Amino acid sequence: MTIGRYSIIYADPPWRYTAKKIQGAAENHYPTMSISELCALPVADLAAKDSALFLWATFPQLPEALRLIQAWGFTYKSVAFVWLKQNRKSPGWFYGLGFWTRGNAEVCLLATRGHPKRQAANVHQFIISPIREHSRKPEEAREKIVALMGDLPRVELFARQSPPGWDVWGNEVEPTIPDFWTKCPEAAGQKEVL
């Protein structure tokens, strides 16, 4: 495994929701993982001494996201990005069902380990972009991460594609860190689908 190599770790975990209202929604599109399974992933082993974690989370999952940040060896710093979702085929905002109010935004949290350096002070927090396939994040997020942190060794976990300059791991791509599976006892049983 590429231990301590990555200065940037970008992750969009397959959160398993426990609320009955939305239970099964994500499972209709991809396999999900419990918070215990996610926390057991050896992400800390991938991180360089000075590194940044960019972690997507929905508002109902914020407590779990903060727990995951800590389990992976990082310290929460801020919200890196707020994705304001637009409709795919028509003008206007996209609204999900939400819990108390109709949901639109999703957040990408920023956490650090050690003392990574910001390379640009002009990266804005908002991403205004149409929705795509279920839970697929805008390409702009990766571009903003590189602009903010620099062209450093980086990996995307739970990736859906293999963008240039990124190592990837997930069930929808050919992993460039395949030995990560052997270090993931909680995910190894789902290797074919995860």
C-alpha atoms as a PDB file:
ATOM      1  CA  MET A   1       0.000   0.000   0.000  1.00  0.00           C
ATOM      2  CA  THR A   2       1.124   3.538  -0.669  1.00  0.00           C
ATOM      3  CA  ILE A   3       1.654   4.510   2.950  1.00  0.00           C
ATOM      4  CA  GLY A   4       1.920   8.202   3.754  1.00  0.00           C
ATOM      5  CA  ARG A   5       2.006   9.260   0.136  1.00  0.00           C
ATOM      6  CA  TYR A   6      -1.045  11.455  -0.319  1.00  0.00           C
ATOM      7  CA  SER A   7      -1.166  15.139   0.578  1.00  0.00           C
ATOM      8  CA  ILE A   8      -4.781  15.315  -0.625  1.00  0.00           C
ATOM      9  CA  ILE A   9      -7.473  12.744   0.130  1.00  0.00           C
ATOM     10  CA  TYR A  10     -10.868  13.322  -1.475  1.00  0.00           C
ATOM     11  CA  ALA A  11     -13.749  11.077  -0.425  1.00  0.00           C
ATOM     12  CA  ASP A  12     -17.452  10.712  -1.093  1.00  0.00           C
ATOM     13  CA  PRO A  13     -18.357   7.822   1.230  1.00  0.00           C
ATOM     14  CA  PRO A  14     -21.334   5.578   0.473  1.00  0.00           C
ATOM     15  CA  TRP A  15     -23.158   6.606   3.650  1.00  0.00           C
ATOM     16  CA  ARG A  16     -25.742   4.182   5.000  1.00  0.00           C
ATOM     17  CA  TYR A  17     -28.704   6.128   6.336  1.00  0.00           C
ATOM     18  CA  THR A  18     -30.607   4.834   9.334  1.00  0.00           C
ATOM     19  CA  ALA A  19     -33.637   7.130   9.105  1.00  0.00           C
ATOM     20  CA  LYS A  20     -36.623   5.167   7.832  1.00  0.00           C
ATOM     21  CA  LYS A  21     -37.662   8.063   5.596  1.00  0.00           C
ATOM     22  CA  ILE A  22     -34.625   7.675   3.319  1.00  0.00           C
ATOM     23  CA  GLN A  23     -33.405   4.202   4.198  1.00  0.00           C
ATOM     24  CA  GLY A  24     -32.702   2.324   0.988  1.00  0.00           C
ATOM     25  CA  ALA A  25     -32.502   5.379  -1.295  1.00  0.00           C
ATOM     26  CA  ALA A  26     -28.729   5.139  -1.716  1.00  0.00           C
ATOM     27  CA  GLU A  27     -28.831   1.331  -1.674  1.00  0.00           C
ATOM     28  CA  ASN A  28     -30.939   1.484  -4.853  1.00  0.00           C
ATOM     29  CA  HIS A  29     -27.907   2.942  -6.650  1.00  0.00           C
ATOM     30  CA  TYR A  30     -24.789   1.477  -5.008  1.00  0.00           C
ATOM     31  CA  PRO A  31     -23.692  -0.555  -1.982  1.00  0.00           C
ATOM     32  CA  THR A  32     -23.452   1.480   1.209  1.00  0.00           C
ATOM     33  CA  MET A  33     -21.276   1.156   4.301  1.00  0.00           C
ATOM     34  CA  SER A  34     -22.074   1.661   7.966  1.00  0.00           C
ATOM     35  CA  ILE A  35     -20.204   4.281   9.957  1.00  0.00           C
ATOM     36  CA  SER A  36     -18.289   1.465  11.704  1.00  0.00           C
ATOM     37  CA  GLU A  37     -17.190   0.032   8.357  1.00  0.00           C
ATOM     38  CA  LEU A  38     -16.126   3.463   7.112  1.00  0.00           C
ATOM     39  CA  CYS A  39     -14.224   4.240  10.320  1.00  0.00           C
ATOM     40  CA  ALA A  40     -12.339   0.934  10.002  1.00  0.00           C
ATOM     41  CA  LEU A  41     -10.829   1.883   6.630  1.00  0.00           C
ATOM     42  CA  PRO A  42      -7.086   2.591   7.061  1.00  0.00           C
ATOM     43  CA  VAL A  43      -7.253   6.013   5.428  1.00  0.00           C
ATOM     44  CA  ALA A  44      -4.793   7.449   7.958  1.00  0.00           C
ATOM     45  CA  ASP A  45      -2.167   5.114   6.480  1.00  0.00           C
ATOM     46  CA  LEU A  46      -2.565   6.785   3.074  1.00  0.00           C
ATOM     47  CA  ALA A  47      -2.124  10.322   4.387  1.00  0.00           C
ATOM     48  CA  ALA A  48       1.127  12.245   4.265  1.00  0.00           C
ATOM     49  CA  LYS A  49       2.364  13.872   7.470  1.00  0.00           C
ATOM     50  CA  ASP A  50       0.936  17.192   6.239  1.00  0.00           C
ATOM     51  CA  SER A  51      -2.292  16.481   4.376  1.00  0.00           C
ATOM     52  CA  ALA A  52      -5.865  17.602   3.778  1.00  0.00           C
ATOM     53  CA  LEU A  53      -9.051  15.552   3.665  1.00  0.00           C
ATOM     54  CA  PHE A  54     -12.015  16.729   1.607  1.00  0.00           C
ATOM     55  CA  LEU A  55     -15.076  14.746   2.710  1.00  0.00           C
ATOM     56  CA  TRP A  56     -18.565  14.992   1.215  1.00  0.00           C
ATOM     57  CA  ALA A  57     -21.451  14.744   3.655  1.00  0.00           C
ATOM     58  CA  THR A  58     -25.143  15.455   3.684  1.00  0.00           C
ATOM     59  CA  PHE A  59     -26.563  17.474   6.535  1.00  0.00           C
ATOM     60  CA  PRO A  60     -28.266  14.476   8.216  1.00  0.00           C
ATOM     61  CA  GLN A  61     -24.865  12.714   8.241  1.00  0.00           C
ATOM     62  CA  LEU A  62     -22.839  15.558   9.800  1.00  0.00           C
ATOM     63  CA  PRO A  63     -22.310  13.849  13.184  1.00  0.00           C
ATOM     64  CA  GLU A  64     -21.119  10.690  11.407  1.00  0.00           C
ATOM     65  CA  ALA A  65     -18.889  12.729   9.086  1.00  0.00           C
ATOM     66  CA  LEU A  66     -17.197  14.418  12.040  1.00  0.00           C
ATOM     67  CA  ARG A  67     -16.696  11.021  13.679  1.00  0.00           C
ATOM     68  CA  LEU A  68     -15.214   9.671  10.441  1.00  0.00           C
ATOM     69  CA  ILE A  69     -12.794  12.594  10.143  1.00  0.00           C
ATOM     70  CA  GLN A  70     -11.453  11.808  13.596  1.00  0.00           C
ATOM     71  CA  ALA A  71     -11.308   8.037  12.957  1.00  0.00           C
ATOM     72  CA  TRP A  72      -9.225   8.666   9.838  1.00  0.00           C
ATOM     73  CA  GLY A  73      -6.722  10.734  11.830  1.00  0.00           C
ATOM     74  CA  PHE A  74      -7.730  14.244  10.777  1.00  0.00           C
ATOM     75  CA  THR A  75      -8.985  17.367  12.542  1.00  0.00           C
ATOM     76  CA  TYR A  76     -12.048  19.203  11.242  1.00  0.00           C
ATOM     77  CA  LYS A  77     -11.280  22.745  10.033  1.00  0.00           C
ATOM     78  CA  SER A  78     -14.127  24.128   7.926  1.00  0.00           C
ATOM     79  CA  VAL A  79     -16.601  23.584   5.138  1.00  0.00           C
ATOM     80  CA  ALA A  80     -14.501  23.602   1.985  1.00  0.00           C
ATOM     81  CA  PHE A  81     -17.392  23.654  -0.487  1.00  0.00           C
ATOM     82  CA  VAL A  82     -21.147  24.024  -0.528  1.00  0.00           C
ATOM     83  CA  TRP A  83     -22.719  22.488  -3.610  1.00  0.00           C
ATOM     84  CA  LEU A  84     -25.893  24.359  -4.558  1.00  0.00           C
ATOM     85  CA  LYS A  85     -27.709  21.915  -6.806  1.00  0.00           C
ATOM     86  CA  GLN A  86     -29.433  22.968 -10.005  1.00  0.00           C
ATOM     87  CA  ASN A  87     -31.913  20.923 -12.016  1.00  0.00           C
ATOM     88  CA  ARG A  88     -30.361  18.702 -14.643  1.00  0.00           C
ATOM     89  CA  LYS A  89     -32.558  19.607 -17.626  1.00  0.00           C
ATOM     90  CA  SER A  90     -34.396  22.785 -16.709  1.00  0.00           C
ATOM     91  CA  PRO A  91     -33.412  26.113 -15.183  1.00  0.00           C
ATOM     92  CA  GLY A  92     -33.794  26.530 -11.457  1.00  0.00           C
ATOM     93  CA  TRP A  93     -32.793  24.846  -8.237  1.00  0.00           C
ATOM     94  CA  PHE A  94     -33.058  21.140  -7.512  1.00  0.00           C
ATOM     95  CA  TYR A  95     -34.860  20.293  -4.277  1.00  0.00           C
ATOM     96  CA  GLY A  96     -34.798  16.908  -2.603  1.00  0.00           C
ATOM     97  CA  LEU A  97     -37.354  15.840  -0.032  1.00  0.00           C
ATOM     98  CA  GLY A  98     -35.179  16.776   2.925  1.00  0.00           C
ATOM     99  CA  PHE A  99     -36.005  16.039   6.549  1.00  0.00           C
ATOM    100  CA  TRP A 100     -37.479  19.231   7.962  1.00  0.00           C
ATOM    101  CA  THR A 101     -37.023  21.527   4.983  1.00  0.00           C
ATOM    102  CA  ARG A 102     -36.640  20.710   1.296  1.00  0.00           C
ATOM    103  CA  GLY A 103     -32.941  19.971   0.827  1.00  0.00           C
ATOM    104  CA  ASN A 104     -30.758  21.475  -1.872  1.00  0.00           C
ATOM    105  CA  ALA A 105     -27.170  21.866  -0.703  1.00  0.00           C
ATOM    106  CA  GLU A 106     -24.505  19.309   0.097  1.00  0.00           C
ATOM    107  CA  VAL A 107     -21.237  20.086   1.860  1.00  0.00           C
ATOM    108  CA  CYS A 108     -17.645  19.004   1.422  1.00  0.00           C
ATOM    109  CA  LEU A 109     -15.856  19.254   4.755  1.00  0.00           C
ATOM    110  CA  LEU A 110     -12.186  20.152   5.075  1.00  0.00           C
ATOM    111  CA  ALA A 111     -10.012  18.456   7.674  1.00  0.00           C
ATOM    112  CA  THR A 112      -6.259  18.442   8.106  1.00  0.00           C
ATOM    113  CA  ARG A 113      -3.445  16.382   9.528  1.00  0.00           C
ATOM    114  CA  GLY A 114      -0.193  18.121  10.388  1.00  0.00           C
ATOM    115  CA  HIS A 115       0.278  21.485   8.715  1.00  0.00           C
ATOM    116  CA  PRO A 116      -0.655  21.453   5.018  1.00  0.00           C
ATOM    117  CA  LYS A 117      -0.236  24.766   3.221  1.00  0.00           C
ATOM    118  CA  ARG A 118      -2.925  26.567   1.265  1.00  0.00           C
ATOM    119  CA  GLN A 119      -1.613  27.554  -2.173  1.00  0.00           C
ATOM    120  CA  ALA A 120      -4.348  29.991  -3.216  1.00  0.00           C
ATOM    121  CA  ALA A 121      -6.500  32.469  -1.332  1.00  0.00           C
ATOM    122  CA  ASN A 122      -9.024  33.014  -4.133  1.00  0.00           C
ATOM    123  CA  VAL A 123     -10.853  29.658  -4.104  1.00  0.00           C
ATOM    124  CA  HIS A 124     -14.543  30.230  -3.442  1.00  0.00           C
ATOM    125  CA  GLN A 125     -16.708  27.973  -1.288  1.00  0.00           C
ATOM    126  CA  PHE A 126     -19.798  27.792  -3.513  1.00  0.00           C
ATOM    127  CA  ILE A 127     -20.182  25.307  -6.331  1.00  0.00           C
ATOM    128  CA  ILE A 128     -23.312  25.947  -8.383  1.00  0.00           C
ATOM    129  CA  SER A 129     -23.830  22.988 -10.662  1.00  0.00           C
ATOM    130  CA  PRO A 130     -26.571  20.670 -11.984  1.00  0.00           C
ATOM    131  CA  ILE A 131     -27.155  17.284 -10.419  1.00  0.00           C
ATOM    132  CA  ARG A 132     -26.029  14.209 -12.358  1.00  0.00           C
ATOM    133  CA  GLU A 133     -26.291  10.506 -11.576  1.00  0.00           C
ATOM    134  CA  HIS A 134     -27.351   9.757  -8.001  1.00  0.00           C
ATOM    135  CA  SER A 135     -24.846  11.388  -5.622  1.00  0.00           C
ATOM    136  CA  ARG A 136     -22.214  12.065  -8.314  1.00  0.00           C
ATOM    137  CA  LYS A 137     -20.345  15.225  -7.366  1.00  0.00           C
ATOM    138  CA  PRO A 138     -19.418  18.108  -9.694  1.00  0.00           C
ATOM    139  CA  GLU A 139     -16.052  17.987 -11.481  1.00  0.00           C
ATOM    140  CA  GLU A 140     -15.426  21.528 -10.268  1.00  0.00           C
ATOM    141  CA  ALA A 141     -14.754  20.211  -6.763  1.00  0.00           C
ATOM    142  CA  ARG A 142     -11.574  18.423  -7.887  1.00  0.00           C
ATOM    143  CA  GLU A 143     -10.413  21.520  -9.755  1.00  0.00           C
ATOM    144  CA  LYS A 144     -10.963  23.706  -6.688  1.00  0.00           C
ATOM    145  CA  ILE A 145      -9.097  21.246  -4.464  1.00  0.00           C
ATOM    146  CA  VAL A 146      -6.023  21.347  -6.710  1.00  0.00           C
ATOM    147  CA  ALA A 147      -6.244  25.145  -6.984  1.00  0.00           C
ATOM    148  CA  LEU A 148      -6.446  25.425  -3.186  1.00  0.00           C
ATOM    149  CA  MET A 149      -3.773  22.878  -2.251  1.00  0.00           C
ATOM    150  CA  GLY A 150      -1.523  22.709  -5.317  1.00  0.00           C
ATOM    151  CA  ASP A 151      -0.533  19.899  -7.670  1.00  0.00           C
ATOM    152  CA  LEU A 152       0.302  17.439  -4.885  1.00  0.00           C
ATOM    153  CA  PRO A 153      -0.003  13.643  -4.665  1.00  0.00           C
ATOM    154  CA  ARG A 154      -3.725  12.984  -4.358  1.00  0.00           C
ATOM    155  CA  VAL A 155      -6.210  10.148  -4.170  1.00  0.00           C
ATOM    156  CA  GLU A 156      -9.969   9.924  -4.552  1.00  0.00           C
ATOM    157  CA  LEU A 157     -11.697   7.275  -2.445  1.00  0.00           C
ATOM    158  CA  PHE A 158     -15.011   5.795  -3.636  1.00  0.00           C
ATOM    159  CA  ALA A 159     -14.208   7.232  -7.072  1.00  0.00           C
ATOM    160  CA  ARG A 160     -16.551   6.913 -10.052  1.00  0.00           C
ATOM    161  CA  GLN A 161     -13.954   7.773 -12.685  1.00  0.00           C
ATOM    162  CA  SER A 162     -10.187   8.087 -13.073  1.00  0.00           C
ATOM    163  CA  PRO A 163      -9.388  11.778 -13.590  1.00  0.00           C
ATOM    164  CA  PRO A 164      -5.878  12.681 -14.771  1.00  0.00           C
ATOM    165  CA  GLY A 165      -3.443  13.338 -11.932  1.00  0.00           C
ATOM    166  CA  TRP A 166      -5.464  11.416  -9.344  1.00  0.00           C
ATOM    167  CA  ASP A 167      -4.983   7.962  -7.898  1.00  0.00           C
ATOM    168  CA  VAL A 168      -8.343   6.295  -7.350  1.00  0.00           C
ATOM    169  CA  TRP A 169     -10.012   3.581  -5.296  1.00  0.00           C
ATOM    170  CA  GLY A 170     -13.579   2.313  -5.469  1.00  0.00           C
ATOM    171  CA  ASN A 171     -15.878  -0.214  -7.079  1.00  0.00           C
ATOM    172  CA  GLU A 172     -16.620   1.865 -10.188  1.00  0.00           C
ATOM    173  CA  VAL A 173     -12.975   2.263 -11.247  1.00  0.00           C
ATOM    174  CA  GLU A 174      -9.855   0.177 -11.697  1.00  0.00           C
ATOM    175  CA  PRO A 175      -8.106   1.086  -8.420  1.00  0.00           C
ATOM    176  CA  THR A 176      -4.613   2.520  -8.691  1.00  0.00           C
ATOM    177  CA  ILE A 177      -4.039   1.519  -5.065  1.00  0.00           C
ATOM    178  CA  PRO A 178      -5.406  -2.057  -5.324  1.00  0.00           C
ATOM    179  CA  ASP A 179      -3.549  -3.311  -2.247  1.00  0.00           C
ATOM    180  CA  PHE A 180      -5.766  -0.984  -0.190  1.00  0.00           C
ATOM    181  CA  TRP A 181      -8.331  -3.838  -0.267  1.00  0.00           C
ATOM    182  CA  THR A 182      -6.055  -6.079   1.772  1.00  0.00           C
ATOM    183  CA  LYS A 183      -5.966  -3.440   4.504  1.00  0.00           C
ATOM    184  CA  CYS A 184      -9.766  -3.045   4.558  1.00  0.00           C
ATOM    185  CA  PRO A 185     -11.267  -6.007   6.402  1.00  0.00           C
ATOM    186  CA  GLU A 186     -14.615  -4.233   6.683  1.00  0.00           C
ATOM    187  CA  ALA A 187     -14.799  -3.606   2.926  1.00  0.00           C
ATOM    188  CA  ALA A 188     -13.021  -6.714   1.624  1.00  0.00           C
ATOM    189  CA  GLY A 189     -16.226  -8.735   1.574  1.00  0.00           C
ATOM    190  CA  GLN A 190     -17.779  -6.126  -0.685  1.00  0.00           C
ATOM    191  CA  LYS A 191     -14.808  -5.899  -3.074  1.00  0.00           C
ATOM    192  CA  GLU A 192     -16.867  -7.006  -6.063  1.00  0.00           C
ATOM    193  CA  VAL A 193     -19.498  -4.383  -5.465  1.00  0.00           C
ATOM    194  CA  LEU A 194     -17.692  -1.680  -3.509  1.00  0.00           C
END
